[in-house]
Amino acid sequence: MKSRITLKELARLLNVSVSTVSKALNDSPEISPKTIERVKELAALHNYRPNPTAVNLKSSKSGTIGVLIPNIANSFFAKVLSGMEERAQREGLQLMTYISNESYDREKQIAELLTSGYVDGVLIAIAEETQRKKEFEHIKNVLQYDIPVVLYDRIGFDMAVDKVGIDDHKVFYDATKELQEKGINRIGIATSIHHMGVGKARIDGYREALRENDTFYVANSAKMESLKEKILKMLLEDKVEAVLGSDFDSTMMAYRLAYENGIRIPEDLKIVGFIRGGLAKYLTPSVSYFDQFPDKLGEKAMEVLINRINKKNTGPVQKYIIDTKVVHLESTEFKK
């Protein structure tokens, strides 16, 4: 009995792209007659049968967008998704949402599922484990199926796709400079995401702003107990005057440790961090925070993807930056 084969396996055997195989099987004028003949011969040999759903969606769009979310417990991504949903509804589109839980294996599994032809395009925030492994072939494989892809939020990767996010480097550079201009020089940064692209960019922005200083104060660890020890050293031994929190956990840990050790906010210590605006306002003292406008980010990512799907944008891939601002609350107040 002849063995079954997938489109991807045909492409591998022929040493061509999945897109080339698909076009050859459909007698595309873009493909040479010789290549078409080779592809069809191998397809017949292995009893290849196209996915009927995918074939149908080739000729008419599904009206569905795939969205990969790395962590649904993070309210930031919930708000990003809300922005995506709002824009999708205006266009009459449906979202098919998947959660990777920061897992490389789960993200890879989802990416393979999305190549089955159920979606017109994909929005992806790359999982933490994928970033550590630096393995992105499963995402690039989606592109081989001529499925438009847009990266959102986590965009610091060398990949030929449109990207929508914030300028993490500039955000921390500007925040550090602003504190310096107000006479604060002993500035520290706390982070539990230093191993991720966004975390690295934030540290780099902080360091560049302080490039004329001889000393940097960086408390970084993905392990909470280790991060606690490093933040305590920064507060008690280095006696920093301000802490920039690179993520929610590090911001709240610095805030809590200051309280537990009698360090007054804002008199002795200024804090700015990535924390939900709704929560930041109800803490005592309230915490200044970076507003990333997640709903706008989600809406813009969806807009960029829709334009690619509808061929309204056929030019080179682009990076779109959403403006970010520091919302100053009590934790950065200065004496008048």
Protein backbone atom coordinates (compact mmCIF):
# COMPACT_ATOMS: atom_id res chain seq x y z
CA MET A 1 0.00 0.00 0.00
CA LYS A 2 1.30 3.46 -0.86
CA SER A 3 2.16 5.57 2.15
CA ARG A 4 0.43 8.86 2.93
CA ILE A 5 2.47 12.06 2.99
CA THR A 6 1.92 15.65 4.08
CA LEU A 7 2.60 18.85 2.20
CA LYS A 8 5.45 19.59 4.58
CA GLU A 9 7.05 16.18 3.99
CA LEU A 10 6.79 16.61 0.23
CA ALA A 11 8.60 19.93 0.51
CA ARG A 12 11.37 18.34 2.57
CA LEU A 13 11.89 15.50 0.13
CA LEU A 14 12.02 17.88 -2.81
CA ASN A 15 14.18 20.41 -0.95
CA VAL A 16 11.79 23.27 -1.74
CA SER A 17 9.42 25.42 0.32
CA VAL A 18 5.93 24.33 1.31
CA SER A 19 4.61 27.29 -0.68
CA THR A 20 6.35 26.02 -3.83
CA VAL A 21 4.81 22.56 -3.43
CA SER A 22 1.35 24.03 -2.86
CA LYS A 23 1.61 26.27 -5.92
CA ALA A 24 2.96 23.45 -8.09
CA LEU A 25 0.05 21.19 -7.16
CA ASN A 26 -2.29 23.99 -8.22
CA ASP A 27 -0.45 24.59 -11.54
CA SER A 28 0.62 28.09 -10.58
CA PRO A 29 2.29 30.03 -13.43
CA GLU A 30 4.90 31.13 -10.85
CA ILE A 31 6.34 27.61 -10.85
CA SER A 32 8.29 26.11 -13.75
CA PRO A 33 6.74 23.17 -15.66
CA LYS A 34 9.67 20.97 -14.68
CA THR A 35 9.14 21.64 -10.96
CA ILE A 36 5.38 21.10 -11.29
CA GLU A 37 6.04 17.73 -12.90
CA ARG A 38 8.49 16.69 -10.14
CA VAL A 39 6.09 17.70 -7.39
CA LYS A 40 3.10 15.92 -8.92
CA GLU A 41 5.08 12.73 -9.57
CA LEU A 42 6.23 12.54 -5.95
CA ALA A 43 2.76 13.42 -4.67
CA ALA A 44 1.24 10.61 -6.73
CA LEU A 45 3.94 8.17 -5.62
CA HIS A 46 3.12 8.80 -1.96
CA ASN A 47 -0.65 9.02 -2.42
CA TYR A 48 -0.80 12.65 -1.29
CA ARG A 49 -4.29 13.99 -0.61
CA PRO A 50 -4.80 17.71 0.14
CA ASN A 51 -6.61 18.79 3.28
CA PRO A 52 -10.10 19.63 1.97
CA THR A 53 -10.55 22.36 4.57
CA ALA A 54 -7.26 23.97 3.62
CA VAL A 55 -8.13 23.79 -0.08
CA ASN A 56 -11.44 25.50 0.59
CA LEU A 57 -9.76 28.22 2.58
CA LYS A 58 -7.22 28.82 -0.15
CA SER A 59 -9.94 30.06 -2.43
CA SER A 60 -12.01 31.85 0.21
CA LYS A 61 -10.84 33.28 3.54
CA SER A 62 -11.94 31.64 6.75
CA GLY A 63 -12.61 34.93 8.52
CA THR A 64 -10.65 33.61 11.50
CA ILE A 65 -7.48 34.95 13.11
CA GLY A 66 -5.22 32.81 15.31
CA VAL A 67 -3.83 34.49 18.44
CA LEU A 68 -1.05 32.96 20.55
CA ILE A 69 -0.98 34.30 24.12
CA PRO A 70 1.95 33.32 26.36
CA ASN A 71 0.33 33.91 29.74
CA ILE A 72 -3.37 34.55 30.25
CA ALA A 73 -2.84 35.21 33.98
CA ASN A 74 -1.03 38.42 33.01
CA SER A 75 -3.65 41.18 32.80
CA PHE A 76 -1.51 42.98 30.21
CA PHE A 77 -2.16 40.24 27.67
CA ALA A 78 -5.85 40.19 28.57
CA LYS A 79 -6.04 43.88 27.65
CA VAL A 80 -4.04 43.32 24.46
CA LEU A 81 -6.51 40.61 23.50
CA SER A 82 -9.39 42.98 24.20
CA GLY A 83 -7.91 45.49 21.73
CA MET A 84 -7.51 42.75 19.13
CA GLU A 85 -11.08 41.56 19.64
CA GLU A 86 -12.49 45.06 19.27
CA ARG A 87 -10.74 45.61 15.94
CA ALA A 88 -11.60 42.10 14.72
CA GLN A 89 -15.30 42.65 15.43
CA ARG A 90 -15.32 45.83 13.34
CA GLU A 91 -13.94 43.78 10.45
CA GLY A 92 -16.36 40.89 10.97
CA LEU A 93 -13.56 38.53 11.99
CA GLN A 94 -13.43 35.83 14.66
CA LEU A 95 -10.48 35.11 16.97
CA MET A 96 -9.20 31.63 17.70
CA THR A 97 -7.16 32.01 20.88
CA TYR A 98 -4.43 29.65 22.08
CA ILE A 99 -2.37 29.83 25.29
CA SER A 100 1.23 28.60 25.24
CA ASN A 101 1.75 28.97 29.02
CA GLU A 102 5.29 30.13 28.17
CA SER A 103 6.04 26.60 26.88
CA TYR A 104 8.12 25.95 23.75
CA ASP A 105 6.55 22.54 23.14
CA ARG A 106 3.01 23.87 23.46
CA GLU A 107 3.79 26.83 21.20
CA LYS A 108 5.30 24.49 18.59
CA GLN A 109 2.22 22.27 18.77
CA ILE A 110 -0.08 25.26 18.25
CA ALA A 111 1.99 26.54 15.31
CA GLU A 112 1.71 23.16 13.58
CA LEU A 113 -2.05 23.16 14.14
CA LEU A 114 -2.37 26.62 12.59
CA THR A 115 -0.79 25.43 9.33
CA SER A 116 -3.80 23.19 8.74
CA GLY A 117 -5.61 26.02 7.00
CA TYR A 118 -8.04 27.10 9.70
CA VAL A 119 -6.86 30.73 9.99
CA ASP A 120 -6.15 33.62 7.63
CA GLY A 121 -3.35 35.03 9.76
CA VAL A 122 -1.62 34.69 13.13
CA LEU A 123 -0.69 37.08 15.95
CA ILE A 124 2.09 35.76 18.20
CA ALA A 125 3.73 36.79 21.47
CA ILE A 126 6.64 34.37 21.70
CA ALA A 127 6.79 32.10 24.77
CA GLU A 128 9.46 32.59 27.42
CA GLU A 129 10.87 29.06 26.95
CA THR A 130 11.08 29.58 23.18
CA GLN A 131 13.16 32.70 23.78
CA ARG A 132 15.51 30.84 26.11
CA LYS A 133 15.94 28.01 23.62
CA LYS A 134 16.25 30.46 20.70
CA GLU A 135 14.37 27.99 18.50
CA PHE A 136 11.96 29.70 16.11
CA GLU A 137 11.68 27.26 13.21
CA HIS A 138 8.06 26.42 14.04
CA ILE A 139 7.12 30.08 13.61
CA LYS A 140 9.05 30.41 10.38
CA ASN A 141 7.30 27.27 9.16
CA VAL A 142 3.93 29.04 9.46
CA LEU A 143 5.24 31.62 7.00
CA GLN A 144 6.07 28.86 4.51
CA TYR A 145 2.37 28.19 4.25
CA ASP A 146 1.82 31.78 3.10
CA ILE A 147 0.03 32.58 6.35
CA PRO A 148 0.70 36.19 7.42
CA VAL A 149 2.26 36.50 10.88
CA VAL A 150 2.59 39.53 13.16
CA LEU A 151 4.64 39.46 16.36
CA TYR A 152 3.27 41.59 19.16
CA ASP A 153 4.78 42.85 22.44
CA ARG A 154 7.79 40.48 22.34
CA ILE A 155 9.35 41.75 19.15
CA GLY A 156 13.14 41.75 19.60
CA PHE A 157 13.80 38.92 17.16
CA ASP A 158 15.44 38.70 13.74
CA MET A 159 12.41 37.44 11.87
CA ALA A 160 10.97 38.66 8.55
CA VAL A 161 7.51 39.52 9.88
CA ASP A 162 5.70 42.69 10.91
CA LYS A 163 6.11 43.56 14.60
CA VAL A 164 4.07 45.72 16.97
CA GLY A 165 5.29 46.62 20.44
CA ILE A 166 6.93 49.24 22.59
CA ASP A 167 10.53 50.47 22.50
CA ASP A 168 11.67 48.84 25.74
CA HIS A 169 15.17 50.27 25.44
CA LYS A 170 13.91 53.84 25.07
CA VAL A 171 11.32 53.47 27.84
CA PHE A 172 13.99 52.64 30.44
CA TYR A 173 16.51 55.09 29.00
CA ASP A 174 14.00 57.95 29.29
CA ALA A 175 12.84 56.94 32.77
CA THR A 176 16.42 56.77 34.04
CA LYS A 177 17.29 60.13 32.50
CA GLU A 178 14.18 61.73 34.02
CA LEU A 179 15.22 60.60 37.49
CA GLN A 180 18.75 61.89 36.93
CA GLU A 181 17.43 65.30 35.86
CA LYS A 182 15.59 65.49 39.19
CA GLY A 183 18.81 64.87 41.12
CA ILE A 184 18.54 61.10 41.64
CA ASN A 185 21.84 59.36 40.80
CA ARG A 186 21.86 56.05 42.67
CA ILE A 187 19.31 54.31 40.47
CA GLY A 188 18.79 50.55 40.49
CA ILE A 189 16.86 48.17 38.27
CA ALA A 190 15.04 45.05 39.48
CA THR A 191 14.04 42.35 37.01
CA SER A 192 12.91 38.73 36.87
CA ILE A 193 12.81 38.75 33.05
CA HIS A 194 16.45 39.64 32.29
CA HIS A 195 16.77 36.49 30.16
CA MET A 196 13.96 37.59 27.82
CA GLY A 197 14.23 40.01 24.91
CA VAL A 198 12.15 42.73 26.56
CA GLY A 199 14.05 42.37 29.82
CA LYS A 200 17.43 42.66 28.11
CA ALA A 201 16.30 45.75 26.19
CA ARG A 202 15.14 47.44 29.41
CA ILE A 203 18.45 46.76 31.15
CA ASP A 204 20.36 48.05 28.11
CA GLY A 205 18.32 51.26 28.11
CA TYR A 206 19.00 51.76 31.81
CA ARG A 207 22.73 51.14 31.35
CA GLU A 208 22.99 53.49 28.39
CA ALA A 209 21.38 56.31 30.37
CA LEU A 210 23.98 55.75 33.11
CA ARG A 211 26.91 55.12 30.79
CA GLU A 212 28.95 57.93 32.39
CA ASN A 213 28.53 56.34 35.83
CA ASP A 214 30.99 53.77 37.12
CA THR A 215 28.40 51.80 39.06
CA PHE A 216 25.19 50.05 38.03
CA TYR A 217 22.77 48.46 40.46
CA VAL A 218 21.08 45.44 38.88
CA ALA A 219 19.02 42.91 40.85
CA ASN A 220 18.19 40.13 38.40
CA SER A 221 16.94 36.61 38.90
CA ALA A 222 14.06 34.48 37.65
CA LYS A 223 14.02 32.75 41.04
CA MET A 224 12.03 34.79 43.54
CA GLU A 225 14.16 33.98 46.60
CA SER A 226 17.35 34.95 44.79
CA LEU A 227 15.70 38.11 43.43
CA LYS A 228 14.62 39.03 46.97
CA GLU A 229 18.19 38.75 48.25
CA LYS A 230 19.54 40.90 45.43
CA ILE A 231 16.90 43.59 45.87
CA LEU A 232 17.57 43.65 49.63
CA LYS A 233 21.27 44.21 48.96
CA MET A 234 20.44 47.00 46.54
CA LEU A 235 18.17 48.68 49.11
CA LEU A 236 20.13 48.13 52.32
CA GLU A 237 23.79 48.01 51.26
CA ASP A 238 23.89 50.02 48.04
CA LYS A 239 21.21 52.38 49.38
CA VAL A 240 19.80 53.21 45.97
CA GLU A 241 17.55 56.26 45.76
CA ALA A 242 15.26 54.82 43.07
CA VAL A 243 14.27 51.44 41.65
CA LEU A 244 12.97 50.77 38.16
CA GLY A 245 10.89 47.59 38.14
CA SER A 246 11.23 45.75 34.84
CA ASP A 247 8.16 43.57 35.47
CA PHE A 248 5.28 43.15 37.90
CA ASP A 249 6.98 40.69 40.27
CA SER A 250 10.16 42.73 40.68
CA THR A 251 8.22 46.00 41.10
CA MET A 252 6.01 44.59 43.85
CA MET A 253 8.94 42.87 45.57
CA ALA A 254 10.95 46.10 45.74
CA TYR A 255 7.87 47.92 47.07
CA ARG A 256 7.22 45.28 49.75
CA LEU A 257 10.85 44.98 50.86
CA ALA A 258 11.13 48.74 51.23
CA TYR A 259 8.08 48.72 53.51
CA GLU A 260 9.37 45.78 55.58
CA ASN A 261 12.71 47.49 56.14
CA GLY A 262 11.46 50.92 57.09
CA ILE A 263 12.46 52.57 53.81
CA ARG A 264 10.00 55.37 53.15
CA ILE A 265 8.43 55.80 49.74
CA PRO A 266 8.88 58.36 48.21
CA GLU A 267 11.03 60.16 50.82
CA ASP A 268 13.88 57.62 50.82
CA LEU A 269 13.10 55.67 47.67
CA LYS A 270 11.37 56.38 44.37
CA ILE A 271 9.77 53.46 42.51
CA VAL A 272 8.56 53.18 38.90
CA GLY A 273 7.52 49.83 37.50
CA PHE A 274 5.46 47.67 35.21
CA ILE A 275 2.30 47.28 37.23
CA ARG A 276 -1.38 47.47 36.39
CA GLY A 277 -2.65 51.02 36.57
CA GLY A 278 -5.77 49.95 38.44
CA LEU A 279 -3.71 48.27 41.17
CA ALA A 280 -1.01 50.97 41.27
CA LYS A 281 -3.51 53.67 42.20
CA TYR A 282 -4.91 51.77 45.19
CA LEU A 283 -1.63 50.97 46.90
CA THR A 284 -0.48 53.21 49.76
CA PRO A 285 1.60 55.00 48.68
CA SER A 286 0.46 54.62 45.08
CA VAL A 287 3.09 53.37 42.61
CA SER A 288 4.18 55.21 39.48
CA TYR A 289 3.98 52.93 36.47
CA PHE A 290 4.76 52.53 32.78
CA ASP A 291 1.55 52.70 30.75
CA GLN A 292 2.01 50.51 27.66
CA PHE A 293 -1.50 51.14 26.32
CA PRO A 294 -2.07 47.40 25.76
CA ASP A 295 -5.48 47.87 24.15
CA LYS A 296 -3.96 50.15 21.51
CA LEU A 297 -1.12 47.67 21.00
CA GLY A 298 -3.60 44.87 20.37
CA GLU A 299 -5.70 46.96 18.03
CA LYS A 300 -2.64 48.03 16.03
CA ALA A 301 -1.34 44.45 15.77
CA MET A 302 -4.70 43.34 14.41
CA GLU A 303 -4.79 46.24 11.94
CA VAL A 304 -1.33 45.39 10.59
CA LEU A 305 -2.27 41.72 10.17
CA ILE A 306 -5.56 42.54 8.42
CA ASN A 307 -3.73 44.79 5.96
CA ARG A 308 -1.36 41.93 5.13
CA ILE A 309 -4.20 39.46 4.70
CA ASN A 310 -6.15 41.82 2.42
CA LYS A 311 -3.00 42.75 0.46
CA LYS A 312 -3.37 46.41 1.43
CA ASN A 313 0.24 46.27 2.55
CA THR A 314 2.52 44.33 0.23
CA GLY A 315 5.72 46.21 1.03
CA PRO A 316 8.64 45.21 3.25
CA VAL A 317 7.88 44.09 6.80
CA GLN A 318 7.82 46.88 9.37
CA LYS A 319 8.15 47.50 13.09
CA TYR A 320 5.40 49.61 14.65
CA ILE A 321 6.10 51.24 18.01
CA ILE A 322 3.34 52.14 20.46
CA ASP A 323 4.09 55.21 22.58
CA THR A 324 4.58 54.54 26.28
CA LYS A 325 4.55 56.99 29.16
CA VAL A 326 5.29 57.05 32.88
CA VAL A 327 2.21 57.79 34.97
CA HIS A 328 3.59 59.56 38.03
CA LEU A 329 1.85 58.78 41.31
CA GLU A 330 2.97 59.07 44.93
CA SER A 331 6.04 56.81 44.65
CA THR A 332 7.88 59.40 42.55
CA GLU A 333 6.74 62.57 44.31
CA PHE A 334 9.40 65.17 45.08
CA LYS A 335 9.33 67.72 47.88
CA LYS A 336 8.23 71.12 46.63
